[in-house]
Amino acid sequence: MAVTGTDIITIMKEAGIDPEIVGKLKLDAPLLHQGLDSIDLPVIAVATEKKYKVDLSDADATKLRSINDFVVYLNQKLG
């Protein structure tokens, strides 16, 4: 089953990201431009690793700027 933007949003909510911010996120816009900060991104990355049992390197994590970036990356990894 393919990972979707809704799946990533659910991970964010479960990881404790501010629900008010999460509810307004656009899938294709950079997360740092939508109210998330540099502390939130590692939290999302770790929650994603745990949920999908993937290893997200620091180099890869820095390239994941939007929800769509997470979706594409995970679908490629989970192939």
PDB file of N, CA and C in Angstrom:
ATOM      1  N   MET A   1       0.833  -1.185   0.000  1.00  0.00           N
ATOM      2  CA  MET A   1       0.000   0.000   0.000  1.00  0.00           C
ATOM      3  C   MET A   1       0.880   1.252   0.000  1.00  0.00           C
ATOM      4  N   ALA A   2       0.576   2.168  -0.853  1.00  0.00           N
ATOM      5  CA  ALA A   2       1.383   3.378  -1.006  1.00  0.00           C
ATOM      6  C   ALA A   2       1.151   4.349   0.152  1.00  0.00           C
ATOM      7  N   VAL A   3       2.199   5.048   0.508  1.00  0.00           N
ATOM      8  CA  VAL A   3       2.130   6.095   1.523  1.00  0.00           C
ATOM      9  C   VAL A   3       1.503   7.329   0.888  1.00  0.00           C
ATOM     10  N   THR A   4       0.630   8.002   1.631  1.00  0.00           N
ATOM     11  CA  THR A   4      -0.042   9.199   1.131  1.00  0.00           C
ATOM     12  C   THR A   4       0.258  10.398   2.034  1.00  0.00           C
ATOM     13  N   GLY A   5      -0.124  11.560   1.565  1.00  0.00           N
ATOM     14  CA  GLY A   5       0.027  12.763   2.371  1.00  0.00           C
ATOM     15  C   GLY A   5      -0.750  12.666   3.670  1.00  0.00           C
ATOM     16  N   THR A   6      -1.911  12.045   3.620  1.00  0.00           N
ATOM     17  CA  THR A   6      -2.721  11.853   4.826  1.00  0.00           C
ATOM     18  C   THR A   6      -1.973  10.999   5.851  1.00  0.00           C
ATOM     19  N   ASP A   7      -1.238  10.005   5.375  1.00  0.00           N
ATOM     20  CA  ASP A   7      -0.435   9.174   6.278  1.00  0.00           C
ATOM     21  C   ASP A   7       0.620  10.005   6.998  1.00  0.00           C
ATOM     22  N   ILE A   8       1.271  10.896   6.274  1.00  0.00           N
ATOM     23  CA  ILE A   8       2.313  11.739   6.875  1.00  0.00           C
ATOM     24  C   ILE A   8       1.692  12.714   7.871  1.00  0.00           C
ATOM     25  N   ILE A   9       0.549  13.254   7.537  1.00  0.00           N
ATOM     26  CA  ILE A   9      -0.148  14.163   8.457  1.00  0.00           C
ATOM     27  C   ILE A   9      -0.523  13.428   9.739  1.00  0.00           C
ATOM     28  N   THR A  10      -0.975  12.194   9.613  1.00  0.00           N
ATOM     29  CA  THR A  10      -1.309  11.387  10.787  1.00  0.00           C
ATOM     30  C   THR A  10      -0.076  11.160  11.658  1.00  0.00           C
ATOM     31  N   ILE A  11       1.059  10.867  11.031  1.00  0.00           N
ATOM     32  CA  ILE A  11       2.312  10.693  11.770  1.00  0.00           C
ATOM     33  C   ILE A  11       2.646  11.975  12.536  1.00  0.00           C
ATOM     34  N   MET A  12       2.469  13.117  11.893  1.00  0.00           N
ATOM     35  CA  MET A  12       2.767  14.392  12.551  1.00  0.00           C
ATOM     36  C   MET A  12       1.887  14.584  13.782  1.00  0.00           C
ATOM     37  N   LYS A  13       0.613  14.300  13.644  1.00  0.00           N
ATOM     38  CA  LYS A  13      -0.310  14.440  14.780  1.00  0.00           C
ATOM     39  C   LYS A  13       0.095  13.499  15.913  1.00  0.00           C
ATOM     40  N   GLU A  14       0.391  12.249  15.564  1.00  0.00           N
ATOM     41  CA  GLU A  14       0.778  11.270  16.573  1.00  0.00           C
ATOM     42  C   GLU A  14       2.100  11.626  17.244  1.00  0.00           C
ATOM     43  N   ALA A  15       2.959  12.348  16.535  1.00  0.00           N
ATOM     44  CA  ALA A  15       4.260  12.756  17.082  1.00  0.00           C
ATOM     45  C   ALA A  15       4.159  13.995  17.956  1.00  0.00           C
ATOM     46  N   GLY A  16       2.969  14.564  18.043  1.00  0.00           N
ATOM     47  CA  GLY A  16       2.768  15.707  18.931  1.00  0.00           C
ATOM     48  C   GLY A  16       2.978  17.071  18.289  1.00  0.00           C
ATOM     49  N   ILE A  17       3.018  17.112  16.976  1.00  0.00           N
ATOM     50  CA  ILE A  17       3.135  18.402  16.292  1.00  0.00           C
ATOM     51  C   ILE A  17       1.822  19.160  16.499  1.00  0.00           C
ATOM     52  N   ASP A  18       1.913  20.457  16.691  1.00  0.00           N
ATOM     53  CA  ASP A  18       0.753  21.308  16.969  1.00  0.00           C
ATOM     54  C   ASP A  18      -0.386  21.029  15.978  1.00  0.00           C
ATOM     55  N   PRO A  19      -1.536  20.536  16.464  1.00  0.00           N
ATOM     56  CA  PRO A  19      -2.644  20.180  15.569  1.00  0.00           C
ATOM     57  C   PRO A  19      -3.171  21.365  14.755  1.00  0.00           C
ATOM     58  N   GLU A  20      -3.072  22.553  15.315  1.00  0.00           N
ATOM     59  CA  GLU A  20      -3.528  23.737  14.586  1.00  0.00           C
ATOM     60  C   GLU A  20      -2.672  23.959  13.336  1.00  0.00           C
ATOM     61  N   ILE A  21      -1.386  23.771  13.465  1.00  0.00           N
ATOM     62  CA  ILE A  21      -0.472  23.908  12.323  1.00  0.00           C
ATOM     63  C   ILE A  21      -0.687  22.765  11.338  1.00  0.00           C
ATOM     64  N   VAL A  22      -0.744  21.540  11.863  1.00  0.00           N
ATOM     65  CA  VAL A  22      -0.896  20.368  11.000  1.00  0.00           C
ATOM     66  C   VAL A  22      -2.163  20.461  10.166  1.00  0.00           C
ATOM     67  N   GLY A  23      -3.230  20.991  10.745  1.00  0.00           N
ATOM     68  CA  GLY A  23      -4.503  21.102  10.045  1.00  0.00           C
ATOM     69  C   GLY A  23      -4.483  22.052   8.862  1.00  0.00           C
ATOM     70  N   LYS A  24      -3.487  22.913   8.807  1.00  0.00           N
ATOM     71  CA  LYS A  24      -3.404  23.912   7.732  1.00  0.00           C
ATOM     72  C   LYS A  24      -2.320  23.604   6.701  1.00  0.00           C
ATOM     73  N   LEU A  25      -1.612  22.508   6.864  1.00  0.00           N
ATOM     74  CA  LEU A  25      -0.475  22.224   5.990  1.00  0.00           C
ATOM     75  C   LEU A  25      -0.890  21.934   4.554  1.00  0.00           C
ATOM     76  N   LYS A  26      -0.109  22.483   3.640  1.00  0.00           N
ATOM     77  CA  LYS A  26      -0.254  22.178   2.218  1.00  0.00           C
ATOM     78  C   LYS A  26       0.773  21.105   1.884  1.00  0.00           C
ATOM     79  N   LEU A  27       0.385  20.172   1.040  1.00  0.00           N
ATOM     80  CA  LEU A  27       1.240  19.025   0.748  1.00  0.00           C
ATOM     81  C   LEU A  27       2.513  19.389   0.001  1.00  0.00           C
ATOM     82  N   ASP A  28       2.458  20.432  -0.830  1.00  0.00           N
ATOM     83  CA  ASP A  28       3.598  20.725  -1.700  1.00  0.00           C
ATOM     84  C   ASP A  28       4.451  21.907  -1.246  1.00  0.00           C
ATOM     85  N   ALA A  29       4.089  22.545  -0.160  1.00  0.00           N
ATOM     86  CA  ALA A  29       4.841  23.715   0.314  1.00  0.00           C
ATOM     87  C   ALA A  29       5.871  23.288   1.362  1.00  0.00           C
ATOM     88  N   PRO A  30       6.999  23.986   1.416  1.00  0.00           N
ATOM     89  CA  PRO A  30       8.015  23.657   2.426  1.00  0.00           C
ATOM     90  C   PRO A  30       7.438  23.747   3.846  1.00  0.00           C
ATOM     91  N   LEU A  31       7.710  22.731   4.642  1.00  0.00           N
ATOM     92  CA  LEU A  31       7.169  22.679   6.001  1.00  0.00           C
ATOM     93  C   LEU A  31       7.653  23.850   6.850  1.00  0.00           C
ATOM     94  N   LEU A  32       8.903  24.271   6.647  1.00  0.00           N
ATOM     95  CA  LEU A  32       9.441  25.383   7.435  1.00  0.00           C
ATOM     96  C   LEU A  32       8.782  26.716   7.086  1.00  0.00           C
ATOM     97  N   HIS A  33       8.082  26.785   5.976  1.00  0.00           N
ATOM     98  CA  HIS A  33       7.367  28.005   5.589  1.00  0.00           C
ATOM     99  C   HIS A  33       5.916  27.960   6.032  1.00  0.00           C
ATOM    100  N   GLN A  34       5.534  26.884   6.725  1.00  0.00           N
ATOM    101  CA  GLN A  34       4.132  26.708   7.108  1.00  0.00           C
ATOM    102  C   GLN A  34       3.937  26.642   8.623  1.00  0.00           C
ATOM    103  N   GLY A  35       4.928  27.099   9.368  1.00  0.00           N
ATOM    104  CA  GLY A  35       4.769  27.164  10.812  1.00  0.00           C
ATOM    105  C   GLY A  35       5.517  26.104  11.594  1.00  0.00           C
ATOM    106  N   LEU A  36       6.058  25.103  10.916  1.00  0.00           N
ATOM    107  CA  LEU A  36       6.887  24.125  11.607  1.00  0.00           C
ATOM    108  C   LEU A  36       8.283  24.711  11.774  1.00  0.00           C
ATOM    109  N   ASP A  37       9.011  24.210  12.761  1.00  0.00           N
ATOM    110  CA  ASP A  37      10.372  24.725  12.955  1.00  0.00           C
ATOM    111  C   ASP A  37      11.391  23.596  12.862  1.00  0.00           C
ATOM    112  N   SER A  38      12.640  23.964  13.040  1.00  0.00           N
ATOM    113  CA  SER A  38      13.731  23.002  12.859  1.00  0.00           C
ATOM    114  C   SER A  38      13.714  21.902  13.922  1.00  0.00           C
ATOM    115  N   ILE A  39      12.993  22.084  15.004  1.00  0.00           N
ATOM    116  CA  ILE A  39      12.858  21.044  16.033  1.00  0.00           C
ATOM    117  C   ILE A  39      11.820  20.010  15.581  1.00  0.00           C
ATOM    118  N   ASP A  40      10.790  20.461  14.882  1.00  0.00           N
ATOM    119  CA  ASP A  40       9.717  19.564  14.440  1.00  0.00           C
ATOM    120  C   ASP A  40      10.195  18.557  13.393  1.00  0.00           C
ATOM    121  N   LEU A  41      11.076  18.974  12.507  1.00  0.00           N
ATOM    122  CA  LEU A  41      11.479  18.101  11.404  1.00  0.00           C
ATOM    123  C   LEU A  41      12.147  16.804  11.861  1.00  0.00           C
ATOM    124  N   PRO A  42      13.090  16.846  12.804  1.00  0.00           N
ATOM    125  CA  PRO A  42      13.655  15.579  13.287  1.00  0.00           C
ATOM    126  C   PRO A  42      12.610  14.695  13.987  1.00  0.00           C
ATOM    127  N   VAL A  43      11.672  15.323  14.669  1.00  0.00           N
ATOM    128  CA  VAL A  43      10.600  14.565  15.326  1.00  0.00           C
ATOM    129  C   VAL A  43       9.787  13.810  14.278  1.00  0.00           C
ATOM    130  N   ILE A  44       9.470  14.483  13.175  1.00  0.00           N
ATOM    131  CA  ILE A  44       8.718  13.859  12.087  1.00  0.00           C
ATOM    132  C   ILE A  44       9.547  12.738  11.458  1.00  0.00           C
ATOM    133  N   ALA A  45      10.824  12.990  11.257  1.00  0.00           N
ATOM    134  CA  ALA A  45      11.698  11.988  10.644  1.00  0.00           C
ATOM    135  C   ALA A  45      11.771  10.727  11.500  1.00  0.00           C
ATOM    136  N   VAL A  46      11.953  10.878  12.808  1.00  0.00           N
ATOM    137  CA  VAL A  46      12.049   9.727  13.704  1.00  0.00           C
ATOM    138  C   VAL A  46      10.722   8.968  13.741  1.00  0.00           C
ATOM    139  N   ALA A  47       9.616   9.690  13.809  1.00  0.00           N
ATOM    140  CA  ALA A  47       8.304   9.037  13.818  1.00  0.00           C
ATOM    141  C   ALA A  47       8.063   8.277  12.514  1.00  0.00           C
ATOM    142  N   THR A  48       8.535   8.831  11.413  1.00  0.00           N
ATOM    143  CA  THR A  48       8.408   8.172  10.115  1.00  0.00           C
ATOM    144  C   THR A  48       9.244   6.897  10.073  1.00  0.00           C
ATOM    145  N   GLU A  49      10.466   6.976  10.588  1.00  0.00           N
ATOM    146  CA  GLU A  49      11.332   5.789  10.643  1.00  0.00           C
ATOM    147  C   GLU A  49      10.679   4.664  11.442  1.00  0.00           C
ATOM    148  N   LYS A  50      10.108   5.018  12.574  1.00  0.00           N
ATOM    149  CA  LYS A  50       9.484   4.009  13.430  1.00  0.00           C
ATOM    150  C   LYS A  50       8.252   3.400  12.768  1.00  0.00           C
ATOM    151  N   LYS A  51       7.428   4.240  12.190  1.00  0.00           N
ATOM    152  CA  LYS A  51       6.183   3.765  11.574  1.00  0.00           C
ATOM    153  C   LYS A  51       6.454   2.827  10.402  1.00  0.00           C
ATOM    154  N   TYR A  52       7.392   3.190   9.549  1.00  0.00           N
ATOM    155  CA  TYR A  52       7.633   2.434   8.317  1.00  0.00           C
ATOM    156  C   TYR A  52       8.876   1.548   8.374  1.00  0.00           C
ATOM    157  N   LYS A  53       9.557   1.565   9.517  1.00  0.00           N
ATOM    158  CA  LYS A  53      10.755   0.734   9.704  1.00  0.00           C
ATOM    159  C   LYS A  53      11.772   0.943   8.578  1.00  0.00           C
ATOM    160  N   VAL A  54      12.058   2.213   8.345  1.00  0.00           N
ATOM    161  CA  VAL A  54      13.064   2.590   7.352  1.00  0.00           C
ATOM    162  C   VAL A  54      14.163   3.378   8.055  1.00  0.00           C
ATOM    163  N   ASP A  55      15.333   3.386   7.453  1.00  0.00           N
ATOM    164  CA  ASP A  55      16.444   4.168   7.970  1.00  0.00           C
ATOM    165  C   ASP A  55      16.523   5.450   7.147  1.00  0.00           C
ATOM    166  N   LEU A  56      16.265   6.558   7.791  1.00  0.00           N
ATOM    167  CA  LEU A  56      16.280   7.855   7.129  1.00  0.00           C
ATOM    168  C   LEU A  56      17.585   8.548   7.498  1.00  0.00           C
ATOM    169  N   SER A  57      18.540   8.565   6.568  1.00  0.00           N
ATOM    170  CA  SER A  57      19.837   9.181   6.854  1.00  0.00           C
ATOM    171  C   SER A  57      19.678  10.693   7.027  1.00  0.00           C
ATOM    172  N   ASP A  58      20.645  11.282   7.709  1.00  0.00           N
ATOM    173  CA  ASP A  58      20.621  12.743   7.892  1.00  0.00           C
ATOM    174  C   ASP A  58      20.649  13.451   6.543  1.00  0.00           C
ATOM    175  N   ALA A  59      21.415  12.920   5.615  1.00  0.00           N
ATOM    176  CA  ALA A  59      21.509  13.526   4.277  1.00  0.00           C
ATOM    177  C   ALA A  59      20.159  13.498   3.569  1.00  0.00           C
ATOM    178  N   ASP A  60      19.468  12.369   3.669  1.00  0.00           N
ATOM    179  CA  ASP A  60      18.146  12.268   3.053  1.00  0.00           C
ATOM    180  C   ASP A  60      17.140  13.163   3.763  1.00  0.00           C
ATOM    181  N   ALA A  61      17.204  13.180   5.090  1.00  0.00           N
ATOM    182  CA  ALA A  61      16.251  13.962   5.874  1.00  0.00           C
ATOM    183  C   ALA A  61      16.300  15.446   5.518  1.00  0.00           C
ATOM    184  N   THR A  62      17.484  15.958   5.235  1.00  0.00           N
ATOM    185  CA  THR A  62      17.596  17.385   4.909  1.00  0.00           C
ATOM    186  C   THR A  62      16.963  17.712   3.563  1.00  0.00           C
ATOM    187  N   LYS A  63      16.738  16.702   2.729  1.00  0.00           N
ATOM    188  CA  LYS A  63      16.112  16.917   1.417  1.00  0.00           C
ATOM    189  C   LYS A  63      14.595  16.870   1.481  1.00  0.00           C
ATOM    190  N   LEU A  64      14.055  16.392   2.588  1.00  0.00           N
ATOM    191  CA  LEU A  64      12.608  16.245   2.728  1.00  0.00           C
ATOM    192  C   LEU A  64      12.035  17.532   3.300  1.00  0.00           C
ATOM    193  N   ARG A  65      11.551  18.370   2.421  1.00  0.00           N
ATOM    194  CA  ARG A  65      11.100  19.705   2.830  1.00  0.00           C
ATOM    195  C   ARG A  65       9.595  19.841   2.902  1.00  0.00           C
ATOM    196  N   SER A  66       8.875  19.004   2.163  1.00  0.00           N
ATOM    197  CA  SER A  66       7.410  19.087   2.143  1.00  0.00           C
ATOM    198  C   SER A  66       6.815  17.714   2.438  1.00  0.00           C
ATOM    199  N   ILE A  67       5.528  17.689   2.681  1.00  0.00           N
ATOM    200  CA  ILE A  67       4.844  16.412   2.877  1.00  0.00           C
ATOM    201  C   ILE A  67       4.995  15.555   1.627  1.00  0.00           C
ATOM    202  N   ASN A  68       4.852  16.163   0.468  1.00  0.00           N
ATOM    203  CA  ASN A  68       5.010  15.399  -0.776  1.00  0.00           C
ATOM    204  C   ASN A  68       6.404  14.797  -0.896  1.00  0.00           C
ATOM    205  N   ASP A  69       7.427  15.505  -0.419  1.00  0.00           N
ATOM    206  CA  ASP A  69       8.788  14.950  -0.433  1.00  0.00           C
ATOM    207  C   ASP A  69       8.853  13.675   0.405  1.00  0.00           C
ATOM    208  N   PHE A  70       8.214  13.688   1.581  1.00  0.00           N
ATOM    209  CA  PHE A  70       8.173  12.498   2.429  1.00  0.00           C
ATOM    210  C   PHE A  70       7.457  11.353   1.709  1.00  0.00           C
ATOM    211  N   VAL A  71       6.337  11.667   1.067  1.00  0.00           N
ATOM    212  CA  VAL A  71       5.551  10.649   0.359  1.00  0.00           C
ATOM    213  C   VAL A  71       6.384   9.992  -0.741  1.00  0.00           C
ATOM    214  N   VAL A  72       7.004  10.797  -1.578  1.00  0.00           N
ATOM    215  CA  VAL A  72       7.806  10.265  -2.684  1.00  0.00           C
ATOM    216  C   VAL A  72       8.963   9.428  -2.148  1.00  0.00           C
ATOM    217  N   TYR A  73       9.668   9.956  -1.162  1.00  0.00           N
ATOM    218  CA  TYR A  73      10.814   9.247  -0.582  1.00  0.00           C
ATOM    219  C   TYR A  73      10.392   7.889  -0.023  1.00  0.00           C
ATOM    220  N   LEU A  74       9.344   7.883   0.778  1.00  0.00           N
ATOM    221  CA  LEU A  74       8.909   6.634   1.406  1.00  0.00           C
ATOM    222  C   LEU A  74       8.414   5.626   0.388  1.00  0.00           C
ATOM    223  N   ASN A  75       7.690   6.090  -0.602  1.00  0.00           N
ATOM    224  CA  ASN A  75       7.202   5.150  -1.615  1.00  0.00           C
ATOM    225  C   ASN A  75       8.348   4.540  -2.409  1.00  0.00           C
ATOM    226  N   GLN A  76       9.419   5.309  -2.629  1.00  0.00           N
ATOM    227  CA  GLN A  76      10.589   4.761  -3.308  1.00  0.00           C
ATOM    228  C   GLN A  76      11.300   3.751  -2.413  1.00  0.00           C
ATOM    229  N   LYS A  77      11.438   4.079  -1.111  1.00  0.00           N
ATOM    230  CA  LYS A  77      12.126   3.196  -0.180  1.00  0.00           C
ATOM    231  C   LYS A  77      11.352   1.891   0.031  1.00  0.00           C
ATOM    232  N   LEU A  78      10.044   2.009   0.085  1.00  0.00           N
ATOM    233  CA  LEU A  78       9.207   0.852   0.389  1.00  0.00           C
ATOM    234  C   LEU A  78       8.857   0.055  -0.868  1.00  0.00           C
ATOM    235  N   GLY A  79       9.089   0.699  -2.017  1.00  0.00           N
ATOM    236  CA  GLY A  79       8.922   0.192  -3.337  1.00  0.00           C
ATOM    237  C   GLY A  79       8.074  -0.915  -3.622  1.00  0.00           C
TER     238      GLY A  79
END
